[in-house]
Amino acid sequence: MSQPMPQPDESQQQSTPPLPQHNLQQPQQSGTPQQPQLQQPEPQPQRNWWFVAHRRFALIGAALTVMMVFWLGLNFLATGALHQFFGANAPAWAFLLASSGPLYVVAMPLSMLIFRLVPAIKTRQYSMKSNEFIQLLIMCVPVMYAGSFIGNILSAVMTDGQATNRLTGLMAENDWWMNALFIGILAPIFEEWICRKEIISRTRRYGEKTAIVFSSLAFALFHMNLFQFFYAFGLGLILGYVYTRTSKLRYTIAIHMLINLNGSVLAPMLLRLVDPKLLSGQMSQSEIMRMTESGNSVGLEIFGFYSMAMFALIIAGVVLLVRWFKQRRWEFYPAPEELPAGLKVRTAYANPGVIVYILLTVGLTVWMLFV
């Protein structure tokens, strides 16, 4: 059934493109189980449709900016208070709490006051088959390593090799349970809530691909870390696709948790078995060679098996990515207010809210490289 759409008045016809007409997709009885069922939107008042879309993306950008400002401001105050009370001897868990607490308890809830000004589109929820979930999880592995490689190279080039990944240092200093709690469990829950559920649910009416790319960019910039930017963006694309096809946050949280637990708990734990200095980056190449030749290689062998397993997953992930593209298994469906190709970037990114968010996070990302 063709959806009625408001048309611009005569005074605006020369400056504003007409609203595209699209059919709402209804799942067929024998069709794919991942196809969303979009509810018929309420009739819109006679106002310019493009300015409504532009304003909604600006509000989402404003919500993200408010979240970042409150998070960074409260983090600064909380960290300063820790230094006042404990000096340089503050426990690591306290610094993690000072960083994550303001974000999860204050900044993200405050951003919802603005997020809620943008209506979310309701879709039917679908379950994902276990084999499809596993394939998508495996595809995340080469995306993660490729993105990490690009981030490492670019960071080294921009700083003449002086920059260090602060996340790696943080994980090396913390106990495994702190990494598991803050990085492996809490971060995926709250980040998926904001970056997938809140953003995609409010932007998918303008196109599924537009919503996925927008949420991925917001997710990548949120980390304010060039080492993480590219693999966070790549993972965000897959996580956004999973959420768009299922409308269930449990799947994206599960994938996010498994990836974070591998990087923050399992890999550091295995590196510590080899030598704690290897985790902190203090072991030279010559020391690694001497340790290998000395026969003290139990931990090294375990880490070797882990490395081979990850390499196998990289190969499997690449094969699955190629196969999915060849078989056209990536499914996207028309949205009720799909933006024309020429208006997608202009609408989603060329607005005050998103511009401020991008400038703020990019500026902080570059600054973090040199501090």
Protein backbone atom coordinates (compact mmCIF):
# COMPACT_ATOMS: atom_id res chain seq x y z
CA MET A 1 0.00 0.00 0.00
CA SER A 2 1.46 3.32 -1.00
CA GLN A 3 2.02 5.66 1.92
CA PRO A 4 0.57 9.18 1.63
CA MET A 5 3.22 11.80 2.15
CA PRO A 6 2.97 15.56 2.64
CA GLN A 7 3.99 17.68 -0.29
CA PRO A 8 5.80 21.00 0.04
CA ASP A 9 3.79 24.13 -0.62
CA GLU A 10 4.30 26.14 -3.80
CA SER A 11 6.71 28.58 -2.17
CA GLN A 12 9.09 25.73 -1.29
CA GLN A 13 8.90 23.63 -4.44
CA GLN A 14 11.86 25.35 -6.07
CA SER A 15 14.24 24.99 -3.08
CA THR A 16 13.33 21.67 -1.51
CA PRO A 17 13.25 18.28 -3.24
CA PRO A 18 9.99 16.36 -3.11
CA LEU A 19 9.46 13.62 -0.56
CA PRO A 20 10.16 10.16 -2.02
CA GLN A 21 7.27 7.76 -2.23
CA HIS A 22 7.86 4.22 -0.89
CA ASN A 23 5.84 1.20 -0.06
CA LEU A 24 5.96 -0.11 3.48
CA GLN A 25 7.45 -3.57 3.52
CA GLN A 26 5.23 -6.23 5.09
CA PRO A 27 6.74 -9.63 5.83
CA GLN A 28 5.36 -12.41 3.71
CA GLN A 29 4.27 -15.68 5.24
CA SER A 30 7.00 -17.60 3.44
CA GLY A 31 9.57 -14.83 3.36
CA THR A 32 12.75 -14.16 5.30
CA PRO A 33 12.35 -14.08 9.09
CA GLN A 34 14.60 -11.04 9.36
CA GLN A 35 12.46 -8.63 7.36
CA PRO A 36 11.08 -5.90 9.66
CA GLN A 37 7.42 -5.03 9.84
CA LEU A 38 7.20 -1.28 10.03
CA GLN A 39 4.06 0.10 11.56
CA GLN A 40 2.08 2.55 9.49
CA PRO A 41 3.25 5.99 10.64
CA GLU A 42 0.70 8.50 11.80
CA PRO A 43 -0.35 11.11 9.24
CA GLN A 44 2.11 13.99 9.27
CA PRO A 45 1.09 17.65 9.35
CA GLN A 46 1.61 19.74 6.26
CA ARG A 47 5.17 20.83 6.86
CA ASN A 48 8.41 20.44 4.95
CA TRP A 49 9.50 16.79 5.30
CA TRP A 50 13.20 17.42 4.69
CA PHE A 51 13.50 20.01 7.44
CA VAL A 52 11.85 17.56 9.84
CA ALA A 53 14.43 14.89 8.98
CA HIS A 54 17.29 17.40 9.16
CA ARG A 55 16.10 18.61 12.56
CA ARG A 56 15.79 15.08 13.92
CA PHE A 57 19.36 14.19 13.00
CA ALA A 58 20.48 17.47 14.57
CA LEU A 59 18.69 16.54 17.79
CA ILE A 60 20.40 13.15 17.84
CA GLY A 61 23.75 14.88 17.36
CA ALA A 62 22.87 17.26 20.19
CA ALA A 63 21.99 14.31 22.44
CA LEU A 64 25.36 12.71 21.72
CA THR A 65 27.16 16.00 22.35
CA VAL A 66 25.40 16.50 25.70
CA MET A 67 26.33 12.95 26.65
CA MET A 68 30.01 13.56 25.87
CA VAL A 69 30.18 16.94 27.61
CA PHE A 70 28.62 15.71 30.85
CA TRP A 71 30.68 12.53 30.78
CA LEU A 72 34.00 14.30 30.28
CA GLY A 73 33.19 17.06 32.74
CA LEU A 74 32.10 14.73 35.52
CA ASN A 75 34.97 12.37 34.77
CA PHE A 76 37.40 15.26 35.21
CA LEU A 77 35.84 16.21 38.56
CA ALA A 78 35.69 12.62 39.81
CA THR A 79 39.30 11.91 38.81
CA GLY A 80 40.43 15.13 40.48
CA ALA A 81 38.63 14.11 43.67
CA LEU A 82 40.41 10.75 43.63
CA HIS A 83 43.78 12.48 43.39
CA GLN A 84 42.83 14.71 46.32
CA PHE A 85 41.88 11.78 48.56
CA PHE A 86 44.35 9.11 47.46
CA GLY A 87 47.12 10.99 45.69
CA ALA A 88 48.93 8.70 43.28
CA ASN A 89 47.84 5.59 45.19
CA ALA A 90 44.20 5.47 44.16
CA PRO A 91 43.08 1.92 43.34
CA ALA A 92 42.57 1.08 39.69
CA TRP A 93 38.92 0.16 40.23
CA ALA A 94 38.28 3.65 41.58
CA PHE A 95 39.59 5.25 38.37
CA LEU A 96 37.44 2.92 36.28
CA LEU A 97 34.42 3.81 38.39
CA ALA A 98 35.22 7.53 38.09
CA SER A 99 35.29 7.15 34.32
CA SER A 100 32.36 4.80 33.73
CA GLY A 101 30.06 5.88 36.55
CA PRO A 102 29.37 9.42 35.26
CA LEU A 103 28.76 8.04 31.76
CA TYR A 104 26.34 5.30 32.71
CA VAL A 105 24.57 6.97 35.64
CA VAL A 106 24.41 10.61 34.52
CA ALA A 107 25.52 11.37 30.94
CA MET A 108 23.63 8.67 29.05
CA PRO A 109 20.34 9.14 30.98
CA LEU A 110 20.57 12.91 30.45
CA SER A 111 21.05 12.42 26.72
CA MET A 112 17.74 10.55 26.64
CA LEU A 113 15.92 13.80 27.38
CA ILE A 114 16.94 14.90 23.89
CA PHE A 115 16.80 11.50 22.21
CA ARG A 116 13.13 11.23 23.12
CA LEU A 117 12.35 14.35 21.08
CA VAL A 118 12.93 12.16 18.01
CA PRO A 119 10.24 9.49 17.58
CA ALA A 120 11.42 5.89 17.34
CA ILE A 121 9.91 3.69 14.67
CA LYS A 122 8.46 0.40 15.93
CA THR A 123 9.37 -2.84 14.21
CA ARG A 124 8.56 -6.48 14.78
CA GLN A 125 11.27 -8.44 16.59
CA TYR A 126 12.80 -11.55 15.06
CA SER A 127 15.00 -14.28 16.48
CA MET A 128 18.32 -15.10 14.86
CA LYS A 129 19.36 -18.67 14.13
CA SER A 130 22.44 -19.84 16.01
CA ASN A 131 24.42 -20.64 12.85
CA GLU A 132 23.77 -17.16 11.46
CA PHE A 133 24.79 -15.58 14.78
CA ILE A 134 28.04 -17.57 14.81
CA GLN A 135 28.83 -16.61 11.22
CA LEU A 136 28.33 -12.93 11.93
CA LEU A 137 30.46 -13.22 15.07
CA ILE A 138 33.28 -14.84 13.07
CA MET A 139 33.03 -12.11 10.42
CA CYS A 140 33.74 -9.58 13.16
CA VAL A 141 37.24 -11.03 13.68
CA PRO A 142 38.89 -9.97 10.38
CA VAL A 143 37.04 -6.66 10.52
CA MET A 144 38.42 -6.10 14.00
CA TYR A 145 42.01 -6.95 13.11
CA ALA A 146 41.97 -5.00 9.85
CA GLY A 147 40.58 -1.94 11.59
CA SER A 148 43.10 -2.27 14.41
CA PHE A 149 45.95 -2.51 11.88
CA ILE A 150 44.80 0.67 10.11
CA GLY A 151 44.42 2.52 13.42
CA ASN A 152 47.88 1.47 14.61
CA ILE A 153 49.56 2.50 11.35
CA LEU A 154 47.80 5.85 11.17
CA SER A 155 48.52 6.62 14.83
CA ALA A 156 52.20 5.82 14.34
CA VAL A 157 52.41 7.98 11.21
CA MET A 158 50.71 10.96 12.86
CA THR A 159 52.95 10.87 15.95
CA ASP A 160 56.23 9.51 14.51
CA GLY A 161 55.67 6.31 16.43
CA GLN A 162 55.32 8.04 19.80
CA ALA A 163 51.63 7.40 20.44
CA THR A 164 50.56 4.49 22.64
CA ASN A 165 47.15 2.89 22.90
CA ARG A 166 45.87 4.00 26.30
CA LEU A 167 43.35 1.15 26.34
CA THR A 168 46.16 -1.42 26.20
CA GLY A 169 47.90 0.26 29.10
CA LEU A 170 44.67 0.38 31.07
CA MET A 171 44.04 -3.33 30.61
CA ALA A 172 47.61 -4.15 31.59
CA GLU A 173 47.29 -2.28 34.88
CA ASN A 174 43.93 -3.73 35.95
CA ASP A 175 43.01 -7.07 37.45
CA TRP A 176 41.16 -9.40 35.13
CA TRP A 177 37.88 -9.07 37.03
CA MET A 178 37.89 -5.30 36.61
CA ASN A 179 38.42 -5.63 32.88
CA ALA A 180 35.67 -8.26 32.73
CA LEU A 181 33.20 -6.11 34.65
CA PHE A 182 33.82 -2.68 33.16
CA ILE A 183 35.03 -3.52 29.64
CA GLY A 184 33.53 -6.96 29.04
CA ILE A 185 30.07 -6.54 30.58
CA LEU A 186 29.02 -2.98 31.41
CA ALA A 187 30.46 -1.27 28.31
CA PRO A 188 28.66 -3.54 25.79
CA ILE A 189 25.32 -3.16 27.57
CA PHE A 190 25.33 0.63 27.74
CA GLU A 191 27.07 1.27 24.40
CA GLU A 192 24.68 -1.01 22.54
CA TRP A 193 21.71 0.63 24.23
CA ILE A 194 22.74 4.08 23.01
CA CYS A 195 24.53 3.39 19.73
CA ARG A 196 22.25 0.67 18.41
CA LYS A 197 18.83 0.83 20.05
CA GLU A 198 18.42 4.57 20.56
CA ILE A 199 20.14 5.78 17.40
CA ILE A 200 19.00 3.15 14.89
CA SER A 201 15.43 3.04 16.20
CA ARG A 202 15.18 6.78 15.58
CA THR A 203 16.95 7.00 12.22
CA ARG A 204 15.97 3.81 10.36
CA ARG A 205 12.82 5.49 9.03
CA TYR A 206 15.18 7.41 6.72
CA GLY A 207 16.94 4.30 5.41
CA GLU A 208 18.44 1.19 6.97
CA LYS A 209 21.90 1.73 5.50
CA THR A 210 21.82 5.39 6.54
CA ALA A 211 20.95 4.41 10.11
CA ILE A 212 23.62 1.70 10.30
CA VAL A 213 26.44 3.91 8.98
CA PHE A 214 25.35 6.85 11.15
CA SER A 215 25.28 4.72 14.32
CA SER A 216 28.64 3.14 13.44
CA LEU A 217 30.30 6.53 13.03
CA ALA A 218 28.81 7.77 16.31
CA PHE A 219 30.04 4.59 18.00
CA ALA A 220 33.57 4.90 16.60
CA LEU A 221 33.91 8.59 17.49
CA PHE A 222 32.56 7.92 20.98
CA HIS A 223 35.77 6.06 21.89
CA MET A 224 37.98 9.13 21.20
CA ASN A 225 40.84 6.77 20.34
CA LEU A 226 42.37 6.56 16.87
CA PHE A 227 43.70 3.09 17.67
CA GLN A 228 40.09 1.95 18.15
CA PHE A 229 38.31 4.12 15.57
CA PHE A 230 38.48 1.92 12.47
CA TYR A 231 37.75 -1.43 14.10
CA ALA A 232 34.95 0.16 16.16
CA PHE A 233 33.45 1.55 12.96
CA GLY A 234 33.71 -1.81 11.19
CA LEU A 235 32.22 -3.71 14.11
CA GLY A 236 29.51 -1.08 14.37
CA LEU A 237 28.45 -1.85 10.81
CA ILE A 238 27.97 -5.55 11.61
CA LEU A 239 26.32 -4.86 14.97
CA GLY A 240 24.02 -2.32 13.33
CA TYR A 241 23.04 -4.86 10.70
CA VAL A 242 22.27 -7.47 13.37
CA TYR A 243 20.08 -5.03 15.28
CA THR A 244 18.30 -3.83 12.12
CA ARG A 245 17.44 -7.39 11.08
CA THR A 246 16.30 -8.57 14.52
CA SER A 247 15.32 -5.44 16.49
CA LYS A 248 16.66 -7.34 19.53
CA LEU A 249 19.49 -5.85 21.51
CA ARG A 250 20.48 -9.18 23.08
CA TYR A 251 22.31 -10.29 19.95
CA THR A 252 24.45 -7.18 19.56
CA ILE A 253 25.23 -7.13 23.29
CA ALA A 254 26.30 -10.78 23.14
CA ILE A 255 28.63 -10.19 20.16
CA HIS A 256 30.03 -7.05 21.77
CA MET A 257 30.62 -8.86 25.07
CA LEU A 258 32.41 -11.79 23.46
CA ILE A 259 34.71 -9.47 21.52
CA ASN A 260 35.49 -7.28 24.55
CA LEU A 261 36.03 -10.25 26.88
CA ASN A 262 38.45 -11.75 24.38
CA GLY A 263 40.42 -8.53 24.06
CA SER A 264 40.33 -7.38 27.68
CA VAL A 265 40.42 -10.67 29.64
CA LEU A 266 41.45 -13.73 27.61
CA ALA A 267 44.28 -12.25 25.52
CA PRO A 268 45.88 -10.31 28.43
CA MET A 269 45.62 -13.40 30.64
CA LEU A 270 47.47 -15.50 28.07
CA LEU A 271 50.12 -12.82 27.62
CA ARG A 272 50.71 -12.79 31.36
CA LEU A 273 51.35 -16.53 31.18
CA VAL A 274 54.20 -15.80 28.79
CA ASP A 275 55.61 -12.80 30.65
CA PRO A 276 53.90 -9.79 32.30
CA LYS A 277 56.33 -7.47 30.52
CA LEU A 278 55.01 -8.69 27.17
CA LEU A 279 51.53 -7.36 28.05
CA SER A 280 52.82 -3.93 29.03
CA GLY A 281 54.99 -3.69 25.90
CA GLN A 282 58.24 -3.53 27.89
CA MET A 283 59.75 -6.72 26.45
CA SER A 284 62.11 -6.23 23.54
CA GLN A 285 62.34 -8.48 20.51
CA SER A 286 65.69 -9.85 21.68
CA GLU A 287 64.22 -10.80 25.06
CA ILE A 288 61.37 -12.65 23.35
CA MET A 289 63.86 -14.58 21.22
CA ARG A 290 65.98 -15.49 24.28
CA MET A 291 62.89 -16.66 26.16
CA THR A 292 61.90 -18.86 23.22
CA GLU A 293 65.36 -20.38 22.92
CA SER A 294 65.66 -21.04 26.67
CA GLY A 295 62.91 -23.66 26.62
CA ASN A 296 60.70 -21.72 29.05
CA SER A 297 57.88 -21.90 26.58
CA VAL A 298 54.80 -23.35 28.31
CA GLY A 299 53.02 -20.00 28.35
CA LEU A 300 54.40 -19.21 24.92
CA GLU A 301 52.99 -22.44 23.50
CA ILE A 302 49.57 -21.71 24.98
CA PHE A 303 49.63 -18.23 23.49
CA GLY A 304 50.80 -19.76 20.21
CA PHE A 305 47.73 -21.99 20.08
CA TYR A 306 45.55 -18.94 20.80
CA SER A 307 47.25 -16.99 18.01
CA MET A 308 46.73 -19.83 15.54
CA ALA A 309 43.06 -20.03 16.53
CA MET A 310 42.62 -16.30 15.96
CA PHE A 311 44.40 -16.57 12.59
CA ALA A 312 42.04 -19.38 11.59
CA LEU A 313 39.07 -17.23 12.59
CA ILE A 314 40.43 -14.38 10.48
CA ILE A 315 40.59 -16.64 7.42
CA ALA A 316 37.14 -18.07 8.14
CA GLY A 317 35.73 -14.58 8.61
CA VAL A 318 37.13 -13.37 5.28
CA VAL A 319 35.67 -16.42 3.52
CA LEU A 320 32.27 -15.80 5.11
CA LEU A 321 32.33 -12.11 4.19
CA VAL A 322 33.10 -12.94 0.56
CA ARG A 323 30.44 -15.65 0.48
CA TRP A 324 27.77 -13.41 1.98
CA PHE A 325 28.51 -10.70 -0.58
CA LYS A 326 28.49 -13.15 -3.48
CA GLN A 327 25.25 -14.77 -2.30
CA ARG A 328 23.73 -11.35 -1.56
CA ARG A 329 22.81 -12.41 1.95
CA TRP A 330 23.02 -8.87 3.31
CA GLU A 331 19.35 -7.87 3.32
CA PHE A 332 18.14 -4.28 3.34
CA TYR A 333 14.57 -3.11 2.92
CA PRO A 334 13.07 0.25 1.90
CA ALA A 335 12.22 2.55 4.79
CA PRO A 336 8.97 4.52 5.00
CA GLU A 337 10.77 7.87 4.53
CA GLU A 338 13.86 6.71 2.63
CA LEU A 339 16.13 9.64 1.85
CA PRO A 340 17.17 10.11 -1.78
CA ALA A 341 20.83 9.33 -2.43
CA GLY A 342 21.71 12.98 -2.92
CA LEU A 343 20.26 14.01 0.44
CA LYS A 344 21.59 11.32 2.79
CA VAL A 345 24.89 12.95 3.74
CA ARG A 346 23.42 16.44 3.77
CA THR A 347 20.59 15.39 6.06
CA ALA A 348 22.43 13.09 8.45
CA TYR A 349 25.71 14.96 8.89
CA ALA A 350 25.43 18.56 7.66
CA ASN A 351 23.46 19.79 10.66
CA PRO A 352 24.56 21.70 13.78
CA GLY A 353 24.13 18.87 16.30
CA VAL A 354 26.12 16.26 14.39
CA ILE A 355 28.78 18.75 13.27
CA VAL A 356 29.44 19.76 16.89
CA TYR A 357 29.61 16.11 17.97
CA ILE A 358 32.07 15.26 15.19
CA LEU A 359 34.28 18.31 15.88
CA LEU A 360 34.30 17.61 19.61
CA THR A 361 35.16 13.92 19.34
CA VAL A 362 37.66 14.30 16.49
CA GLY A 363 39.41 17.09 18.40
CA LEU A 364 39.62 14.97 21.53
CA THR A 365 40.80 11.96 19.50
CA VAL A 366 43.71 13.93 18.05
CA TRP A 367 44.51 15.48 21.42
CA MET A 368 44.60 12.05 23.07
CA LEU A 369 47.30 10.97 20.62
CA PHE A 370 49.75 13.52 22.01
CA VAL A 371 49.06 13.44 25.78
